[in-house]
Protein backbone atom coordinates (compact mmCIF):
# COMPACT_ATOMS: atom_id res chain seq x y z
CA MET A 1 -57.60 -50.62 9.00
CA SER A 2 -59.92 -50.74 12.03
CA ASP A 3 -63.21 -52.66 12.08
CA LEU A 4 -64.72 -50.12 14.43
CA LYS A 5 -67.94 -48.52 13.33
CA TYR A 6 -68.52 -44.77 13.50
CA SER A 7 -71.59 -42.61 13.48
CA CYS A 8 -71.12 -40.09 10.63
CA LYS A 9 -73.04 -36.97 9.61
CA LEU A 10 -72.99 -35.57 6.08
CA GLU A 11 -73.60 -31.82 5.62
CA ILE A 12 -74.34 -30.31 2.20
CA THR A 13 -74.13 -26.56 1.61
CA SER A 14 -77.23 -24.75 0.38
CA ASP A 15 -75.60 -23.95 -2.97
CA LYS A 16 -74.86 -27.68 -3.52
CA MET A 17 -71.20 -26.85 -4.11
CA ALA A 18 -69.66 -28.63 -1.10
CA ALA A 19 -70.19 -31.58 1.23
CA TYR A 20 -68.65 -31.99 4.68
CA LEU A 21 -68.34 -35.21 6.69
CA LEU A 22 -68.42 -35.10 10.48
CA VAL A 23 -67.18 -38.26 12.28
CA GLU A 24 -69.17 -37.97 15.49
CA ASN A 25 -68.47 -41.05 17.65
CA ILE A 26 -67.99 -44.80 17.74
CA SER A 27 -71.36 -46.53 17.34
CA ASN A 28 -72.56 -50.06 16.57
CA ASP A 29 -75.14 -48.47 14.27
CA GLY A 30 -72.48 -46.64 12.29
CA ILE A 31 -70.27 -47.59 9.36
CA VAL A 32 -66.76 -48.91 9.01
CA LEU A 33 -64.51 -46.13 7.80
CA ASP A 34 -63.16 -47.61 4.60
CA GLU A 35 -63.15 -46.29 1.05
CA ASN A 36 -66.13 -48.35 -0.15
CA SER A 37 -68.30 -47.42 2.83
CA LEU A 38 -67.61 -43.73 2.44
CA LEU A 39 -68.23 -43.81 -1.31
CA ASP A 40 -71.50 -45.68 -0.67
CA LEU A 41 -72.45 -42.99 1.84
CA LEU A 42 -71.84 -40.27 -0.74
CA LYS A 43 -73.68 -42.25 -3.40
CA SER A 44 -76.70 -42.61 -1.11
CA HIS A 45 -76.88 -38.81 -1.09
CA ASN A 46 -76.46 -38.65 -4.90
CA ILE A 47 -73.04 -37.03 -4.61
CA THR A 48 -71.12 -37.96 -7.75
CA PHE A 49 -68.85 -35.02 -8.63
CA GLY A 50 -65.80 -33.46 -7.00
CA ILE A 51 -65.18 -36.26 -4.47
CA ILE A 52 -61.85 -35.65 -2.72
CA GLU A 53 -60.04 -38.97 -2.61
CA SER A 54 -57.22 -37.67 -0.42
CA THR A 55 -59.75 -36.71 2.26
CA ILE A 56 -61.35 -40.17 2.12
CA LYS A 57 -57.92 -41.76 2.55
CA LYS A 58 -57.13 -39.49 5.49
CA ILE A 59 -60.41 -40.38 7.24
CA CYS A 60 -59.87 -44.08 6.72
CA GLU A 61 -56.30 -44.00 8.05
CA SER A 62 -56.85 -41.83 11.10
CA PRO A 63 -60.38 -40.58 11.79
CA ASN A 64 -60.55 -37.50 14.00
CA LEU A 65 -63.74 -37.23 15.99
CA LYS A 66 -65.60 -33.93 15.71
CA GLU A 67 -63.46 -32.78 12.75
CA ARG A 68 -65.45 -31.39 9.80
CA TYR A 69 -63.91 -32.86 6.65
CA LEU A 70 -64.46 -31.29 3.23
CA ILE A 71 -65.14 -34.48 1.30
CA ALA A 72 -66.53 -33.15 -2.01
CA HIS A 73 -66.61 -29.81 -3.76
CA GLY A 74 -68.12 -28.57 -7.00
CA LYS A 75 -66.57 -26.56 -9.79
CA LYS A 76 -67.66 -22.94 -9.69
CA PRO A 77 -68.76 -21.28 -12.94
CA VAL A 78 -66.55 -18.57 -14.44
CA SER A 79 -68.37 -15.45 -15.62
CA GLY A 80 -67.67 -14.30 -19.14
CA LYS A 81 -65.69 -11.15 -19.91
CA ASP A 82 -67.75 -7.99 -20.25
CA GLY A 83 -68.06 -6.36 -23.62
CA HIS A 84 -66.32 -3.02 -24.13
CA VAL A 85 -65.95 -0.13 -26.52
CA GLU A 86 -62.77 0.14 -28.56
CA PHE A 87 -62.06 3.71 -29.67
CA LEU A 88 -60.42 4.24 -33.05
CA ILE A 89 -59.98 7.97 -32.37
CA ASP A 90 -57.23 9.13 -29.99
CA PHE A 91 -58.83 11.46 -27.46
CA ASP A 92 -55.67 11.91 -25.37
CA ASN A 93 -54.46 15.51 -25.59
CA ASN A 94 -53.33 17.59 -22.62
CA PHE A 95 -53.90 20.92 -24.41
CA GLU A 96 -50.83 22.40 -22.78
CA PRO A 97 -48.45 24.68 -24.69
CA LYS A 98 -44.82 23.71 -25.14
CA VAL A 99 -42.22 25.45 -22.97
CA LEU A 100 -39.08 26.18 -25.01
CA ASP A 101 -35.53 25.86 -23.63
CA ASP A 102 -35.22 29.64 -23.13
CA GLY A 103 -38.43 29.79 -21.06
CA ARG A 104 -40.68 31.17 -23.79
CA VAL A 105 -43.98 29.38 -24.40
CA ASP A 106 -45.08 28.25 -27.87
CA TYR A 107 -48.87 28.56 -28.26
CA LYS A 108 -48.93 27.54 -31.91
CA GLU A 109 -48.95 23.78 -31.41
CA LEU A 110 -51.87 23.35 -29.01
CA GLN A 111 -54.01 21.33 -31.44
CA ILE A 112 -57.08 21.63 -29.24
CA PHE A 113 -59.47 20.71 -32.06
CA LYS A 114 -59.70 17.09 -33.11
CA SER A 115 -61.31 16.94 -36.53
CA ILE A 116 -63.37 14.10 -37.97
CA LYS A 117 -64.96 13.51 -41.38
CA LYS A 118 -68.56 12.56 -42.06
CA ASP A 119 -69.10 8.75 -41.89
CA GLU A 120 -65.67 8.26 -40.30
CA ILE A 121 -65.67 5.45 -37.72
CA ILE A 122 -65.20 6.56 -34.11
CA ALA A 123 -65.50 3.36 -32.10
CA LYS A 124 -66.61 -0.25 -32.33
CA LYS A 125 -68.34 -2.45 -29.81
CA ILE A 126 -66.58 -5.63 -28.68
CA GLU A 127 -69.15 -8.28 -27.79
CA PRO A 128 -69.17 -9.89 -24.33
CA GLU A 129 -67.84 -13.41 -23.98
CA ASP A 130 -69.66 -16.50 -22.72
CA GLY A 131 -68.64 -17.80 -19.37
CA ILE A 132 -67.51 -21.30 -18.43
CA ASP A 133 -70.19 -23.45 -16.80
CA GLY A 134 -69.52 -25.09 -13.49
CA MET A 135 -70.88 -28.26 -11.85
CA ASN A 136 -72.21 -28.97 -8.38
CA ILE A 137 -71.50 -32.08 -6.31
CA PHE A 138 -74.63 -33.78 -7.68
CA GLY A 139 -73.21 -33.59 -11.22
CA GLU A 140 -75.64 -30.82 -12.20
CA ILE A 141 -74.45 -28.04 -14.50
CA VAL A 142 -74.21 -24.59 -12.92
CA LYS A 143 -74.68 -22.04 -15.68
CA ALA A 144 -72.13 -19.24 -15.95
CA ASN A 145 -73.12 -15.62 -16.39
CA LYS A 146 -72.40 -14.12 -19.77
CA GLY A 147 -70.37 -10.90 -19.73
CA LYS A 148 -72.28 -7.63 -19.65
CA ASP A 149 -73.03 -5.92 -22.94
CA ALA A 150 -71.29 -2.63 -23.71
CA LYS A 151 -73.07 0.49 -24.92
CA LEU A 152 -71.67 2.71 -27.64
CA PRO A 153 -71.39 6.36 -26.47
CA LEU A 154 -73.93 7.80 -28.91
CA GLY A 155 -73.98 11.60 -28.73
CA LYS A 156 -74.69 14.61 -30.93
CA ASN A 157 -74.15 14.14 -34.67
CA THR A 158 -73.15 10.47 -34.39
CA TYR A 159 -74.92 7.27 -35.45
CA ILE A 160 -74.62 3.53 -34.95
CA LYS A 161 -74.31 0.95 -37.71
CA ASP A 162 -73.15 -2.67 -37.51
CA ASP A 163 -72.14 -2.22 -33.84
CA CYS A 164 -69.89 0.72 -34.74
CA LEU A 165 -70.18 4.44 -33.96
CA PHE A 166 -69.77 6.92 -36.82
CA SER A 167 -69.79 10.70 -37.24
CA SER A 168 -72.76 12.06 -39.17
CA ILE A 169 -71.03 15.38 -40.04
CA ASP A 170 -67.64 16.94 -40.65
CA GLY A 171 -66.71 18.64 -37.41
CA HIS A 172 -64.96 18.75 -34.06
CA ILE A 173 -65.16 15.59 -31.92
CA PHE A 174 -65.07 15.54 -28.12
CA LYS A 175 -66.22 13.49 -25.13
CA LYS A 176 -68.79 14.90 -22.73
CA ASP A 177 -70.80 13.12 -20.00
CA GLN A 178 -69.65 9.68 -21.23
CA LYS A 179 -70.88 10.41 -24.74
CA VAL A 180 -69.05 11.26 -27.94
CA ASN A 181 -70.26 14.38 -29.73
CA VAL A 182 -69.34 15.99 -33.06
CA ASN A 183 -69.84 19.72 -33.44
CA PRO A 184 -69.25 21.93 -36.45
CA LEU A 185 -66.60 24.61 -35.91
CA ILE A 186 -67.41 28.32 -36.12
CA GLU A 187 -64.52 30.55 -37.26
CA LEU A 188 -64.55 34.33 -36.81
CA LYS A 189 -62.10 37.14 -37.48
CA ASP A 190 -63.25 39.37 -34.60
CA VAL A 191 -66.04 39.67 -32.08
CA ASN A 192 -67.47 43.16 -32.19
CA ALA A 193 -70.60 45.06 -33.13
CA SER A 194 -70.87 43.17 -36.40
CA THR A 195 -71.24 39.82 -34.61
CA GLY A 196 -72.85 40.84 -31.33
CA ASN A 197 -72.93 38.32 -28.49
CA ILE A 198 -72.48 34.68 -29.51
CA ARG A 199 -74.27 31.64 -28.09
CA THR A 200 -73.79 28.35 -29.90
CA PHE A 201 -73.41 24.61 -29.38
CA ALA A 202 -70.42 24.62 -31.77
CA SER A 203 -66.77 25.19 -30.97
CA ILE A 204 -65.43 28.63 -31.85
CA LYS A 205 -62.13 29.86 -33.24
CA ILE A 206 -61.52 33.65 -33.19
CA TYR A 207 -58.44 34.88 -35.04
CA ASN A 208 -58.18 38.44 -33.64
CA ASN A 209 -59.47 40.26 -30.57
CA ILE A 210 -62.72 40.36 -28.65
CA SER A 211 -63.96 43.87 -28.09
CA SER A 212 -64.98 44.95 -24.60
CA GLY A 213 -68.49 44.29 -23.38
CA TYR A 214 -69.32 41.18 -25.42
CA LYS A 215 -70.28 37.69 -24.28
CA ILE A 216 -69.34 34.43 -25.98
CA GLU A 217 -70.86 31.09 -24.94
CA SER A 218 -70.14 27.69 -26.49
CA ASP A 219 -71.03 24.09 -25.71
CA GLY A 220 -67.67 23.12 -27.21
CA ASP A 221 -64.18 24.70 -27.06
CA ILE A 222 -63.18 28.33 -27.61
CA GLU A 223 -59.82 29.34 -29.06
CA ILE A 224 -58.87 33.03 -29.25
CA TYR A 225 -55.69 34.20 -30.97
CA GLY A 226 -55.92 37.84 -29.81
CA VAL A 227 -56.52 39.61 -26.49
CA VAL A 228 -59.62 39.36 -24.31
CA GLU A 229 -60.54 42.63 -22.61
CA ARG A 230 -63.65 43.38 -20.55
CA SER A 231 -65.67 40.44 -21.90
CA THR A 232 -67.31 37.24 -20.70
CA ILE A 233 -66.17 33.94 -22.20
CA ILE A 234 -68.04 30.73 -21.26
CA ALA A 235 -67.36 27.27 -22.69
CA LYS A 236 -68.37 23.77 -21.66
CA GLY A 237 -65.08 22.60 -23.16
CA ASN A 238 -61.59 24.14 -23.07
CA ILE A 239 -60.69 27.81 -23.49
CA ILE A 240 -57.38 28.78 -25.12
CA ILE A 241 -56.30 32.45 -25.25
CA HIS A 242 -53.04 32.88 -27.14
CA ARG A 243 -52.21 36.47 -26.15
CA GLY A 244 -53.93 36.77 -22.78
CA VAL A 245 -56.60 38.56 -20.75
CA GLN A 246 -56.49 42.25 -19.82
CA GLY A 247 -59.75 42.41 -17.95
CA SER A 248 -59.71 45.77 -16.13
CA GLY A 249 -61.62 44.02 -13.35
CA LYS A 250 -64.57 43.18 -15.62
CA ALA A 251 -63.46 40.12 -17.61
CA LYS A 252 -64.95 36.74 -16.66
CA ILE A 253 -63.72 33.41 -18.09
CA ILE A 254 -65.62 30.21 -17.22
CA SER A 255 -64.66 26.77 -18.59
CA GLY A 256 -66.01 23.25 -18.15
CA GLY A 257 -62.54 22.01 -19.14
CA LYS A 258 -59.10 23.68 -19.11
CA ILE A 259 -58.17 27.34 -19.43
CA VAL A 260 -54.83 28.09 -21.10
CA SER A 261 -53.82 31.76 -21.47
CA LYS A 262 -50.52 33.60 -21.91
CA TYR A 263 -51.39 35.83 -18.96
CA LEU A 264 -54.41 36.58 -16.74
CA GLN A 265 -54.70 40.14 -15.42
CA ASN A 266 -57.53 41.82 -13.52
CA CYS A 267 -60.08 39.08 -14.28
CA ASP A 268 -62.18 36.32 -12.72
CA ILE A 269 -61.35 32.76 -13.83
CA THR A 270 -63.29 29.56 -13.10
CA ALA A 271 -62.35 26.17 -14.58
CA GLU A 272 -63.37 22.56 -13.97
CA GLY A 273 -60.00 21.45 -15.36
CA ASP A 274 -56.49 22.89 -15.06
CA VAL A 275 -55.62 26.56 -15.43
CA VAL A 276 -52.30 27.04 -17.25
CA SER A 277 -50.63 30.46 -17.70
CA GLU A 278 -47.33 32.34 -17.57
CA ALA A 279 -48.63 34.97 -15.13
CA ILE A 280 -51.66 35.56 -12.90
CA MET A 281 -51.87 39.19 -11.75
CA TYR A 282 -54.53 40.83 -9.57
CA SER A 283 -57.09 38.19 -10.46
CA ASN A 284 -59.37 35.63 -8.82
CA VAL A 285 -58.73 32.12 -10.14
CA LYS A 286 -60.61 28.94 -9.21
CA SER A 287 -59.88 25.45 -10.52
CA ASN A 288 -61.46 22.15 -9.54
CA SER A 289 -58.20 20.56 -10.63
CA SER A 290 -54.76 22.29 -10.68
CA VAL A 291 -53.25 25.69 -11.45
CA LYS A 292 -49.90 25.62 -13.27
CA LEU A 293 -47.68 28.65 -13.88
CA ILE A 294 -45.18 27.99 -16.66
CA GLY A 295 -42.47 29.80 -18.61
CA SER A 296 -39.47 31.70 -17.22
CA LYS A 297 -41.45 33.83 -14.70
CA GLY A 298 -44.43 31.65 -13.75
CA LEU A 299 -45.73 34.46 -11.54
CA ILE A 300 -48.71 34.78 -9.19
CA VAL A 301 -49.09 38.22 -7.60
CA GLY A 302 -51.90 40.19 -5.96
CA SER A 303 -54.34 37.36 -6.64
CA VAL A 304 -56.45 34.75 -4.89
CA VAL A 305 -55.81 31.39 -6.53
CA ILE A 306 -57.87 28.36 -5.49
CA ALA A 307 -57.26 24.79 -6.73
CA ALA A 308 -58.80 21.53 -5.55
CA ARG A 309 -55.55 19.62 -6.06
CA GLU A 310 -52.34 21.52 -6.74
CA ILE A 311 -50.83 24.96 -7.42
CA GLU A 312 -47.41 25.09 -9.07
CA ALA A 313 -45.57 28.35 -9.78
CA ILE A 314 -42.10 29.86 -10.20
CA ASN A 315 -42.62 33.00 -8.09
CA VAL A 316 -45.44 34.00 -5.72
CA GLY A 317 -46.03 37.53 -4.42
CA SER A 318 -43.52 40.38 -4.79
CA LYS A 319 -40.83 42.34 -2.94
CA MET A 320 -43.48 45.01 -2.33
CA TYR A 321 -45.39 42.65 0.03
CA VAL A 322 -48.41 42.55 -2.31
CA GLN A 323 -51.16 40.48 -0.69
CA THR A 324 -51.40 37.13 -2.47
CA GLU A 325 -53.35 34.03 -1.38
CA LEU A 326 -53.01 30.43 -2.51
CA ILE A 327 -55.67 27.90 -1.46
CA VAL A 328 -55.69 24.14 -2.17
CA GLY A 329 -57.70 21.16 -0.99
CA GLU A 330 -61.43 20.57 -0.97
CA SER A 331 -63.16 22.73 -3.56
CA PRO A 332 -65.26 25.66 -2.24
CA GLU A 333 -68.33 24.32 -4.07
CA LYS A 334 -68.04 20.92 -2.41
CA ARG A 335 -67.42 22.40 1.02
CA LYS A 336 -70.46 24.67 0.65
CA ARG A 337 -72.66 21.75 -0.44
CA LYS A 338 -71.57 19.62 2.54
CA GLU A 339 -72.48 22.45 4.90
CA GLU A 340 -75.87 22.79 3.20
CA ILE A 341 -76.49 19.05 3.61
CA ILE A 342 -75.56 19.06 7.31
CA ASN A 343 -77.84 22.04 8.00
CA LYS A 344 -80.74 20.52 6.03
CA ILE A 345 -80.44 17.16 7.83
CA ALA A 346 -80.51 18.95 11.21
CA GLU A 347 -83.56 20.96 10.13
CA ASN A 348 -85.35 17.82 8.93
CA GLU A 349 -84.53 15.90 12.11
CA LYS A 350 -86.12 18.68 14.16
CA SER A 351 -89.28 18.43 12.04
CA ILE A 352 -89.22 14.60 12.23
CA ASP A 353 -89.07 14.77 16.02
CA GLY A 354 -92.14 17.04 16.05
CA LEU A 355 -94.08 14.82 13.65
CA ASN A 356 -93.24 11.71 15.70
CA LYS A 357 -94.70 13.40 18.77
CA ILE A 358 -97.95 14.14 16.91
CA ILE A 359 -98.19 10.52 15.66
CA LEU A 360 -97.46 9.17 19.15
CA TYR A 361 -100.18 11.37 20.63
CA LEU A 362 -102.77 10.36 18.02
CA ASN A 363 -101.94 6.67 18.49
CA LYS A 364 -102.33 7.12 22.23
CA ILE A 365 -105.85 8.60 21.97
CA GLY A 366 -106.91 6.01 19.41
CA ILE A 367 -107.08 8.25 16.31
CA PRO A 368 -110.68 9.49 16.39
CA GLU A 369 -112.51 9.91 13.11
CA ASP A 370 -112.03 13.68 13.00
CA LYS A 371 -108.26 13.24 13.41
CA LYS A 372 -107.66 10.61 10.69
CA ALA A 373 -106.90 13.20 7.97
CA ILE A 374 -104.36 14.89 10.25
CA TYR A 375 -102.80 11.51 11.09
CA GLU A 376 -102.43 10.50 7.43
CA LYS A 377 -101.01 13.90 6.44
CA THR A 378 -98.54 13.79 9.34
CA LEU A 379 -97.45 10.25 8.47
CA LYS A 380 -96.94 11.21 4.81
CA SER A 381 -94.82 14.23 5.79
CA LEU A 382 -92.76 12.05 8.15
CA LEU A 383 -92.01 9.48 5.44
CA GLN A 384 -91.06 12.23 2.98
CA LEU A 385 -88.62 13.83 5.43
CA GLU A 386 -87.08 10.49 6.40
CA ASN A 387 -86.59 9.62 2.72
CA GLU A 388 -85.08 13.06 2.05
CA ASN A 389 -82.60 12.58 4.90
CA ARG A 390 -81.59 9.16 3.57
CA LEU A 391 -80.84 10.74 0.18
CA LEU A 392 -78.91 13.57 1.85
CA TYR A 393 -76.85 11.09 3.90
CA ASP A 394 -76.04 9.18 0.69
CA GLU A 395 -74.99 12.39 -1.07
CA TYR A 396 -72.82 13.42 1.88
CA LYS A 397 -71.17 10.00 1.92
CA GLU A 398 -70.53 10.22 -1.83
CA LEU A 399 -68.98 13.68 -1.48
CA ASN A 400 -66.58 12.34 1.15
CA SER A 401 -65.84 9.32 -1.02
CA ASP A 402 -65.04 11.58 -4.00
CA GLU A 403 -62.77 13.64 -1.77
CA ASN A 404 -60.74 10.55 -0.88
CA LYS A 405 -60.23 9.78 -4.56
CA GLU A 406 -58.69 13.19 -5.24
CA SER A 407 -54.98 13.87 -4.74
CA TYR A 408 -54.24 15.81 -1.55
CA GLY A 409 -53.72 19.57 -1.75
CA ILE A 410 -50.15 20.63 -2.43
CA ILE A 411 -48.37 23.85 -3.43
CA LYS A 412 -45.00 23.92 -5.21
CA VAL A 413 -42.91 27.03 -5.80
CA HIS A 414 -39.75 26.62 -7.88
CA ASP A 415 -38.17 29.97 -6.94
CA THR A 416 -39.42 32.51 -4.38
CA VAL A 417 -42.45 33.00 -2.14
CA TYR A 418 -42.46 36.60 -0.87
CA PRO A 419 -43.86 37.96 2.41
CA GLY A 420 -47.48 39.01 2.16
CA THR A 421 -48.44 35.60 0.82
CA LYS A 422 -51.00 33.48 2.66
CA ILE A 423 -51.03 29.71 2.17
CA THR A 424 -54.22 27.71 2.96
CA ILE A 425 -54.56 23.92 2.67
CA ASP A 426 -58.08 22.71 3.49
CA ASP A 427 -58.88 24.63 6.71
CA VAL A 428 -55.30 25.31 7.84
CA SER A 429 -53.53 28.59 6.97
CA ARG A 430 -50.02 29.97 7.22
CA LYS A 431 -48.72 33.48 6.49
CA ILE A 432 -45.30 33.92 4.94
CA LYS A 433 -43.28 36.50 6.91
CA ASP A 434 -39.88 36.00 5.29
CA PRO A 435 -38.91 35.08 1.72
CA VAL A 436 -38.61 31.32 1.15
CA LYS A 437 -37.18 29.58 -1.91
CA TYR A 438 -37.62 26.26 -3.73
CA VAL A 439 -40.35 24.94 -1.45
CA THR A 440 -43.32 22.61 -1.24
CA PHE A 441 -46.22 23.36 1.11
CA MET A 442 -48.03 20.34 2.55
CA ARG A 443 -50.53 19.95 5.35
CA ASN A 444 -49.39 18.09 8.46
CA GLY A 445 -52.34 17.78 10.83
CA ALA A 446 -53.13 21.29 12.15
CA ASP A 447 -49.97 22.78 10.60
CA ILE A 448 -48.55 23.43 7.13
CA ASP A 449 -45.01 22.15 6.58
CA ILE A 450 -42.52 23.94 4.34
CA LEU A 451 -40.39 21.29 2.64
CA PRO A 452 -37.69 21.38 -0.03
CA ILE A 453 -39.21 21.05 -3.50
CA GLY A 454 -38.92 17.54 -4.90
């Protein structure tokens, strides 16, 4: 061990969780680099916890000038686990009918309604856990954050007791907007002149047909065992039509969830969730999720079908070259909103430029008394427009972020795509001129590739 003395500098981080020793140079005013001297140096700075003995040994044996040695470090606190909600009701149900071995589809076992009894428990809250405290290099406790508290998803016809969520009625339970709701179920034989139009917060089950010209709206689900003709059906939940839609160009079906129907003919369909059917004929179909054609035919013909994620069918188009269009990728609503945002930002920036010129001019002439009101009004308008643009930029960024989270647009056809069919993925289109079989359509830059189905 050398008797040389060294000038040393001790650096302590602002969070008091680490200390570094810098051996600067040999100096008669310094200290001998031995274990006792270094421990005394740390002690003089009140450093008592997390001293690294191996580092002290290394410095004593072979000091390296200008090297910054980590000589003590604290113990970081560990945050507690967040609380969470444990559901005692199984909400997982894909609402899709079962395809039998012979290609027929069984609509009897959909089980779209999940029933619950009054005072039945739905969920319980699991409390957050305490964290583990840490300690800084001065031996002071660093308090750990407790886990975040969870919030029970209190919705319609539910109540909280003893940190548990219960149903307050017998009814149909469903999740909506991160809340759990319970609705009573309305059951009808038919919808006709005796019922008139229906608007209710409850789910609806109709055992026969819906006569032409009527409108049914529900905040829950709608299940129809008969045929829908020239009617309007709107539900915030799922819509199930066991026999199908014969719309004669005047039927409109709008769902905040899935739409499942045996067939869709001459109608307009809009769904936030999947659209599932055996045949789509001469209709306009939009889904913010996927469109799935099932059964032995799985046919799309003479229709425009739009899906944000995926279209899957057995056959598309016909031998008669019937015009059929399949579109996947960014939803039309999102694309329209992004265009609106871009145009509004450009409009605001033009106004902002004009307001800035007015403010610059008034500042230049010294803002005379008779111009103060104009100046203040102009400044207020400028701040409002700048704030509006910031919000628009944030919304645009969020829309792009949401787009990245979605699966890319893809089209799968398990049998034949006939000529007369147009394929569009995002903003790229391709017309089918010859029949193709067992294919997947995927975008590849400015082109659409036709690949074997996986």
